[in-house]
């Protein structure tokens, strides 16, 4: 098994340790392998999509980042059919109904995942045409 090293700030390490304890992982390595596997499965599922695809994305980000997130979303305004926006304890939650070609669904997901402004991005594929 290959060994990887990562750098992480103290606050994130404290959160990571708390999550490890709550989820019952015996080691951080096991927990991180599980998280990486989950991310790989997300990308595999997106890579298998072809043709017109309908999906729902859920984003969570700090309220003070809303303008940066809005700039990203505007680049995909033709694909986003409906957006529901909610504020909750200084956080914004967006639910996006997306209908576009599979490649653009992958592009949207990748750009949102890479954004430093967004804490989490999840998705559900509603309809895919193979």
N, C-alpha and C. Protein backbone atom coordinates (compact mmCIF):
# COMPACT_ATOMS: atom_id res chain seq x y z
N UNK A 1 0.85 -1.18 0.00
CA UNK A 1 0.00 0.00 0.00
C UNK A 1 0.89 1.23 0.00
N UNK A 2 0.55 2.19 -0.84
CA UNK A 2 1.30 3.44 -0.97
C UNK A 2 0.99 4.35 0.22
N UNK A 3 1.98 5.10 0.68
CA UNK A 3 1.78 6.06 1.77
C UNK A 3 1.74 7.46 1.17
N UNK A 4 0.71 8.23 1.52
CA UNK A 4 0.56 9.62 1.09
C UNK A 4 0.64 10.52 2.31
N UNK A 5 1.22 11.69 2.16
CA UNK A 5 1.26 12.68 3.23
C UNK A 5 0.37 13.85 2.83
N UNK A 6 -0.35 14.42 3.80
CA UNK A 6 -1.16 15.60 3.52
C UNK A 6 -0.89 16.65 4.60
N UNK A 7 -1.10 17.89 4.24
CA UNK A 7 -1.02 18.99 5.20
C UNK A 7 -2.44 19.41 5.52
N UNK A 8 -2.71 19.68 6.80
CA UNK A 8 -4.06 20.07 7.21
C UNK A 8 -3.94 21.05 8.38
N UNK A 9 -4.77 22.08 8.38
CA UNK A 9 -4.70 23.07 9.46
C UNK A 9 -5.28 22.48 10.75
N UNK A 10 -4.95 23.11 11.88
CA UNK A 10 -5.34 22.59 13.19
C UNK A 10 -6.85 22.45 13.35
N UNK A 11 -7.60 23.43 12.85
CA UNK A 11 -9.06 23.38 12.98
C UNK A 11 -9.64 22.19 12.21
N UNK A 12 -9.16 21.98 11.00
CA UNK A 12 -9.65 20.85 10.19
C UNK A 12 -9.24 19.53 10.82
N UNK A 13 -8.03 19.46 11.38
CA UNK A 13 -7.57 18.23 12.03
C UNK A 13 -8.46 17.91 13.24
N UNK A 14 -8.82 18.93 13.98
CA UNK A 14 -9.70 18.72 15.14
C UNK A 14 -11.06 18.18 14.68
N UNK A 15 -11.60 18.75 13.61
CA UNK A 15 -12.87 18.27 13.05
C UNK A 15 -12.74 16.83 12.56
N UNK A 16 -11.64 16.56 11.87
CA UNK A 16 -11.39 15.23 11.33
C UNK A 16 -11.32 14.19 12.45
N UNK A 17 -10.62 14.54 13.52
CA UNK A 17 -10.53 13.63 14.66
C UNK A 17 -11.89 13.39 15.31
N UNK A 18 -12.70 14.44 15.39
CA UNK A 18 -14.04 14.31 15.94
C UNK A 18 -14.92 13.41 15.09
N UNK A 19 -14.84 13.57 13.77
CA UNK A 19 -15.62 12.74 12.86
C UNK A 19 -15.17 11.29 12.96
N UNK A 20 -13.85 11.09 13.04
CA UNK A 20 -13.31 9.74 13.17
C UNK A 20 -13.89 9.05 14.40
N UNK A 21 -13.91 9.77 15.49
CA UNK A 21 -14.43 9.20 16.74
C UNK A 21 -15.93 8.91 16.62
N UNK A 22 -16.70 9.86 16.09
CA UNK A 22 -18.15 9.68 15.97
C UNK A 22 -18.52 8.53 15.04
N UNK A 23 -17.76 8.37 13.94
CA UNK A 23 -18.07 7.32 12.98
C UNK A 23 -17.46 5.97 13.38
N UNK A 24 -16.58 6.00 14.35
CA UNK A 24 -16.01 4.74 14.85
C UNK A 24 -14.89 4.16 14.01
N UNK A 25 -14.22 4.99 13.21
CA UNK A 25 -13.07 4.51 12.46
C UNK A 25 -11.90 4.32 13.42
N UNK A 26 -11.17 3.20 13.27
CA UNK A 26 -10.05 2.91 14.15
C UNK A 26 -8.83 3.77 13.82
N UNK A 27 -8.76 4.28 12.59
CA UNK A 27 -7.63 5.13 12.22
C UNK A 27 -8.09 6.20 11.23
N UNK A 28 -7.33 7.30 11.22
CA UNK A 28 -7.61 8.35 10.24
C UNK A 28 -7.36 7.83 8.83
N UNK A 29 -6.33 6.99 8.68
CA UNK A 29 -6.03 6.44 7.36
C UNK A 29 -7.22 5.68 6.80
N UNK A 30 -7.84 4.85 7.62
CA UNK A 30 -9.01 4.08 7.16
C UNK A 30 -10.14 5.02 6.78
N UNK A 31 -10.37 6.04 7.60
CA UNK A 31 -11.44 7.00 7.31
C UNK A 31 -11.16 7.76 6.01
N UNK A 32 -9.92 8.20 5.81
CA UNK A 32 -9.58 8.94 4.60
C UNK A 32 -9.64 8.04 3.36
N UNK A 33 -9.24 6.77 3.49
CA UNK A 33 -9.38 5.85 2.36
C UNK A 33 -10.84 5.71 1.99
N UNK A 34 -11.72 5.64 2.99
CA UNK A 34 -13.15 5.53 2.75
C UNK A 34 -13.67 6.77 2.05
N UNK A 35 -13.23 7.95 2.48
CA UNK A 35 -13.66 9.21 1.85
C UNK A 35 -13.17 9.30 0.40
N UNK A 36 -11.94 8.88 0.16
CA UNK A 36 -11.40 8.90 -1.20
C UNK A 36 -12.16 7.92 -2.09
N UNK A 37 -12.46 6.74 -1.58
CA UNK A 37 -13.24 5.76 -2.34
C UNK A 37 -14.61 6.32 -2.70
N UNK A 38 -15.24 7.01 -1.76
CA UNK A 38 -16.54 7.62 -2.00
C UNK A 38 -16.45 8.65 -3.12
N UNK A 39 -15.41 9.48 -3.10
CA UNK A 39 -15.23 10.48 -4.14
C UNK A 39 -14.98 9.81 -5.49
N UNK A 40 -14.20 8.74 -5.51
CA UNK A 40 -13.93 8.03 -6.77
C UNK A 40 -15.22 7.44 -7.34
N UNK A 41 -16.09 6.93 -6.47
CA UNK A 41 -17.37 6.38 -6.94
C UNK A 41 -18.25 7.48 -7.52
N UNK A 42 -18.23 8.66 -6.91
CA UNK A 42 -18.97 9.81 -7.45
C UNK A 42 -18.51 10.10 -8.88
N UNK A 43 -17.22 10.18 -9.07
CA UNK A 43 -16.69 10.51 -10.39
C UNK A 43 -16.94 9.39 -11.39
N UNK A 44 -16.85 8.14 -10.97
CA UNK A 44 -17.15 7.02 -11.87
C UNK A 44 -18.59 7.09 -12.34
N UNK A 45 -19.51 7.38 -11.42
CA UNK A 45 -20.93 7.48 -11.79
C UNK A 45 -21.14 8.62 -12.78
N UNK A 46 -20.51 9.75 -12.56
CA UNK A 46 -20.65 10.87 -13.49
C UNK A 46 -20.00 10.56 -14.83
N UNK A 47 -18.87 9.89 -14.82
CA UNK A 47 -18.18 9.54 -16.07
C UNK A 47 -19.00 8.61 -16.95
N UNK A 48 -19.87 7.82 -16.35
CA UNK A 48 -20.65 6.85 -17.12
C UNK A 48 -21.87 7.48 -17.81
N UNK A 49 -22.19 8.73 -17.46
CA UNK A 49 -23.36 9.38 -18.04
C UNK A 49 -23.15 9.74 -19.49
N UNK A 50 -24.24 9.61 -20.27
CA UNK A 50 -24.21 10.00 -21.68
C UNK A 50 -25.53 10.69 -22.01
N UNK A 51 -25.47 11.60 -22.97
CA UNK A 51 -26.69 12.25 -23.45
C UNK A 51 -27.30 13.21 -22.45
N UNK A 52 -28.57 13.52 -22.68
CA UNK A 52 -29.33 14.46 -21.84
C UNK A 52 -29.47 13.87 -20.44
N UNK A 53 -29.17 14.67 -19.43
CA UNK A 53 -29.18 14.21 -18.04
C UNK A 53 -29.87 15.25 -17.16
N UNK A 54 -30.73 14.76 -16.27
CA UNK A 54 -31.35 15.61 -15.26
C UNK A 54 -30.76 15.24 -13.91
N UNK A 55 -30.41 16.25 -13.13
CA UNK A 55 -29.79 16.01 -11.83
C UNK A 55 -30.21 17.09 -10.85
N UNK A 56 -30.05 16.78 -9.57
CA UNK A 56 -30.26 17.76 -8.51
C UNK A 56 -28.94 17.87 -7.75
N UNK A 57 -28.45 19.09 -7.62
CA UNK A 57 -27.24 19.35 -6.84
C UNK A 57 -27.64 20.10 -5.58
N UNK A 58 -26.97 19.81 -4.47
CA UNK A 58 -27.17 20.54 -3.23
C UNK A 58 -25.81 21.09 -2.80
N UNK A 59 -25.76 22.41 -2.59
CA UNK A 59 -24.52 23.09 -2.22
C UNK A 59 -24.69 23.70 -0.83
N UNK A 60 -23.61 23.73 -0.07
CA UNK A 60 -23.59 24.43 1.21
C UNK A 60 -22.33 25.30 1.24
N UNK A 61 -22.51 26.57 1.62
CA UNK A 61 -21.37 27.48 1.64
C UNK A 61 -21.68 28.64 2.59
N UNK A 62 -20.62 29.29 3.11
CA UNK A 62 -20.83 30.42 4.02
C UNK A 62 -21.53 31.58 3.30
N UNK A 63 -22.40 32.25 4.02
CA UNK A 63 -23.16 33.35 3.43
C UNK A 63 -22.26 34.42 2.83
N UNK A 64 -21.10 34.65 3.44
CA UNK A 64 -20.20 35.69 2.92
C UNK A 64 -19.52 35.28 1.61
N UNK A 65 -19.73 34.05 1.13
CA UNK A 65 -19.18 33.58 -0.14
C UNK A 65 -20.23 33.57 -1.26
N UNK A 66 -21.44 34.06 -0.96
CA UNK A 66 -22.54 33.92 -1.92
C UNK A 66 -22.27 34.58 -3.26
N UNK A 67 -21.55 35.69 -3.28
CA UNK A 67 -21.27 36.35 -4.56
C UNK A 67 -20.33 35.53 -5.42
N UNK A 68 -19.33 34.91 -4.81
CA UNK A 68 -18.39 34.06 -5.56
C UNK A 68 -19.12 32.84 -6.12
N UNK A 69 -19.98 32.23 -5.30
CA UNK A 69 -20.74 31.06 -5.76
C UNK A 69 -21.70 31.46 -6.87
N UNK A 70 -22.34 32.61 -6.72
CA UNK A 70 -23.26 33.10 -7.74
C UNK A 70 -22.53 33.28 -9.08
N UNK A 71 -21.30 33.79 -9.03
CA UNK A 71 -20.51 33.96 -10.26
C UNK A 71 -20.29 32.61 -10.95
N UNK A 72 -20.00 31.57 -10.17
CA UNK A 72 -19.80 30.24 -10.74
C UNK A 72 -21.11 29.75 -11.36
N UNK A 73 -22.20 29.87 -10.62
CA UNK A 73 -23.50 29.37 -11.10
C UNK A 73 -23.96 30.08 -12.37
N UNK A 74 -23.66 31.37 -12.48
CA UNK A 74 -24.08 32.11 -13.68
C UNK A 74 -23.43 31.58 -14.95
N UNK A 75 -22.27 30.97 -14.82
CA UNK A 75 -21.62 30.38 -16.01
C UNK A 75 -22.41 29.18 -16.55
N UNK A 76 -23.29 28.62 -15.71
CA UNK A 76 -24.08 27.45 -16.11
C UNK A 76 -25.58 27.75 -16.10
N UNK A 77 -25.94 29.01 -16.30
CA UNK A 77 -27.34 29.41 -16.17
C UNK A 77 -28.27 28.71 -17.17
N UNK A 78 -27.77 28.30 -18.32
CA UNK A 78 -28.62 27.59 -19.28
C UNK A 78 -28.95 26.17 -18.80
N UNK A 79 -28.09 25.59 -18.00
CA UNK A 79 -28.30 24.22 -17.51
C UNK A 79 -29.13 24.18 -16.23
N UNK A 80 -29.07 25.27 -15.45
CA UNK A 80 -29.79 25.31 -14.18
C UNK A 80 -31.22 25.78 -14.44
N UNK A 81 -32.17 24.86 -14.25
CA UNK A 81 -33.57 25.16 -14.54
C UNK A 81 -34.29 25.79 -13.36
N UNK A 82 -33.91 25.39 -12.14
CA UNK A 82 -34.52 25.93 -10.93
C UNK A 82 -33.46 26.01 -9.85
N UNK A 83 -33.50 27.09 -9.06
CA UNK A 83 -32.59 27.22 -7.93
C UNK A 83 -33.39 27.61 -6.69
N UNK A 84 -33.22 26.85 -5.64
CA UNK A 84 -33.84 27.15 -4.36
C UNK A 84 -32.72 27.57 -3.42
N UNK A 85 -32.85 28.73 -2.80
CA UNK A 85 -31.79 29.28 -1.94
C UNK A 85 -32.34 29.48 -0.54
N UNK A 86 -31.56 29.04 0.46
CA UNK A 86 -32.00 29.15 1.85
C UNK A 86 -30.82 29.59 2.72
N UNK A 87 -31.12 30.39 3.75
CA UNK A 87 -30.11 30.81 4.72
C UNK A 87 -30.35 30.06 6.02
N UNK A 88 -29.24 29.61 6.63
CA UNK A 88 -29.36 28.85 7.88
C UNK A 88 -28.09 29.05 8.71
N UNK A 89 -28.17 29.86 9.77
CA UNK A 89 -27.06 30.06 10.69
C UNK A 89 -25.77 30.50 9.99
N UNK A 90 -25.86 31.49 9.11
CA UNK A 90 -24.70 32.01 8.43
C UNK A 90 -24.26 31.19 7.22
N UNK A 91 -24.99 30.15 6.93
CA UNK A 91 -24.68 29.30 5.78
C UNK A 91 -25.78 29.48 4.74
N UNK A 92 -25.41 29.27 3.49
CA UNK A 92 -26.37 29.23 2.40
C UNK A 92 -26.49 27.80 1.92
N UNK A 93 -27.69 27.40 1.62
CA UNK A 93 -27.96 26.09 1.04
C UNK A 93 -28.66 26.34 -0.29
N UNK A 94 -28.10 25.81 -1.38
CA UNK A 94 -28.72 25.92 -2.70
C UNK A 94 -29.10 24.53 -3.18
N UNK A 95 -30.30 24.41 -3.70
CA UNK A 95 -30.74 23.19 -4.37
C UNK A 95 -30.94 23.56 -5.82
N UNK A 96 -30.19 22.90 -6.71
CA UNK A 96 -30.21 23.22 -8.13
C UNK A 96 -30.83 22.08 -8.92
N UNK A 97 -31.81 22.39 -9.74
CA UNK A 97 -32.38 21.42 -10.67
C UNK A 97 -31.68 21.67 -12.00
N UNK A 98 -30.92 20.67 -12.46
CA UNK A 98 -30.09 20.82 -13.66
C UNK A 98 -30.58 19.88 -14.74
N UNK A 99 -30.65 20.39 -15.95
CA UNK A 99 -31.03 19.57 -17.10
C UNK A 99 -30.16 19.99 -18.28
N UNK A 100 -29.25 19.10 -18.67
CA UNK A 100 -28.32 19.42 -19.74
C UNK A 100 -27.62 18.14 -20.20
N UNK A 101 -26.66 18.29 -21.08
CA UNK A 101 -25.88 17.15 -21.54
C UNK A 101 -24.97 16.63 -20.43
N UNK A 102 -24.70 15.34 -20.45
CA UNK A 102 -23.91 14.69 -19.40
C UNK A 102 -22.56 15.38 -19.20
N UNK A 103 -21.90 15.76 -20.27
CA UNK A 103 -20.59 16.41 -20.15
C UNK A 103 -20.70 17.69 -19.32
N UNK A 104 -21.76 18.46 -19.55
CA UNK A 104 -21.91 19.70 -18.78
C UNK A 104 -22.23 19.41 -17.32
N UNK A 105 -22.99 18.34 -17.04
CA UNK A 105 -23.25 17.95 -15.65
C UNK A 105 -21.91 17.67 -14.97
N UNK A 106 -21.02 16.95 -15.65
CA UNK A 106 -19.69 16.67 -15.09
C UNK A 106 -18.90 17.96 -14.89
N UNK A 107 -18.98 18.87 -15.86
CA UNK A 107 -18.26 20.14 -15.75
C UNK A 107 -18.76 20.96 -14.56
N UNK A 108 -20.06 21.00 -14.38
CA UNK A 108 -20.64 21.75 -13.26
C UNK A 108 -20.16 21.16 -11.95
N UNK A 109 -20.29 19.83 -11.82
CA UNK A 109 -19.88 19.17 -10.58
C UNK A 109 -18.40 19.43 -10.30
N UNK A 110 -17.55 19.29 -11.30
CA UNK A 110 -16.12 19.49 -11.09
C UNK A 110 -15.81 20.92 -10.67
N UNK A 111 -16.43 21.88 -11.30
CA UNK A 111 -16.16 23.27 -10.95
C UNK A 111 -16.64 23.59 -9.53
N UNK A 112 -17.81 23.09 -9.17
CA UNK A 112 -18.31 23.33 -7.82
C UNK A 112 -17.44 22.65 -6.77
N UNK A 113 -17.00 21.43 -7.04
CA UNK A 113 -16.14 20.70 -6.10
C UNK A 113 -14.81 21.41 -5.90
N UNK A 114 -14.28 22.01 -6.96
CA UNK A 114 -12.99 22.70 -6.87
C UNK A 114 -13.08 24.06 -6.18
N UNK A 115 -14.27 24.62 -6.11
CA UNK A 115 -14.44 25.95 -5.54
C UNK A 115 -14.07 25.97 -4.06
N UNK A 116 -13.21 26.89 -3.70
CA UNK A 116 -12.82 27.04 -2.29
C UNK A 116 -13.94 27.68 -1.47
N UNK A 117 -14.91 28.28 -2.14
CA UNK A 117 -16.01 28.95 -1.46
C UNK A 117 -17.08 27.98 -0.97
N UNK A 118 -17.16 26.81 -1.58
CA UNK A 118 -18.24 25.86 -1.30
C UNK A 118 -17.75 24.76 -0.37
N UNK A 119 -18.46 24.56 0.74
CA UNK A 119 -18.09 23.53 1.70
C UNK A 119 -18.45 22.12 1.24
N UNK A 120 -19.62 21.98 0.63
CA UNK A 120 -20.02 20.64 0.19
C UNK A 120 -20.90 20.72 -1.05
N UNK A 121 -20.76 19.69 -1.88
CA UNK A 121 -21.56 19.52 -3.08
C UNK A 121 -21.98 18.07 -3.14
N UNK A 122 -23.28 17.83 -3.22
CA UNK A 122 -23.77 16.48 -3.42
C UNK A 122 -24.72 16.50 -4.61
N UNK A 123 -24.96 15.33 -5.18
CA UNK A 123 -25.85 15.29 -6.34
C UNK A 123 -26.62 13.99 -6.35
N UNK A 124 -27.73 14.04 -7.08
CA UNK A 124 -28.53 12.86 -7.38
C UNK A 124 -28.86 12.94 -8.86
N UNK A 125 -28.63 11.86 -9.58
CA UNK A 125 -29.01 11.81 -11.00
C UNK A 125 -30.47 11.39 -11.04
N UNK A 126 -31.30 12.19 -11.66
CA UNK A 126 -32.73 11.92 -11.75
C UNK A 126 -33.04 11.10 -12.99
N UNK A 127 -32.46 11.51 -14.11
CA UNK A 127 -32.72 10.82 -15.37
C UNK A 127 -31.48 10.85 -16.21
N UNK A 128 -31.15 9.69 -16.75
CA UNK A 128 -30.02 9.66 -17.67
C UNK A 128 -30.43 8.88 -18.90
N UNK A 129 -29.97 9.34 -20.03
CA UNK A 129 -30.20 8.65 -21.29
C UNK A 129 -28.89 8.02 -21.72
N UNK A 130 -28.91 6.73 -21.94
CA UNK A 130 -27.69 6.02 -22.31
C UNK A 130 -27.64 5.83 -23.81
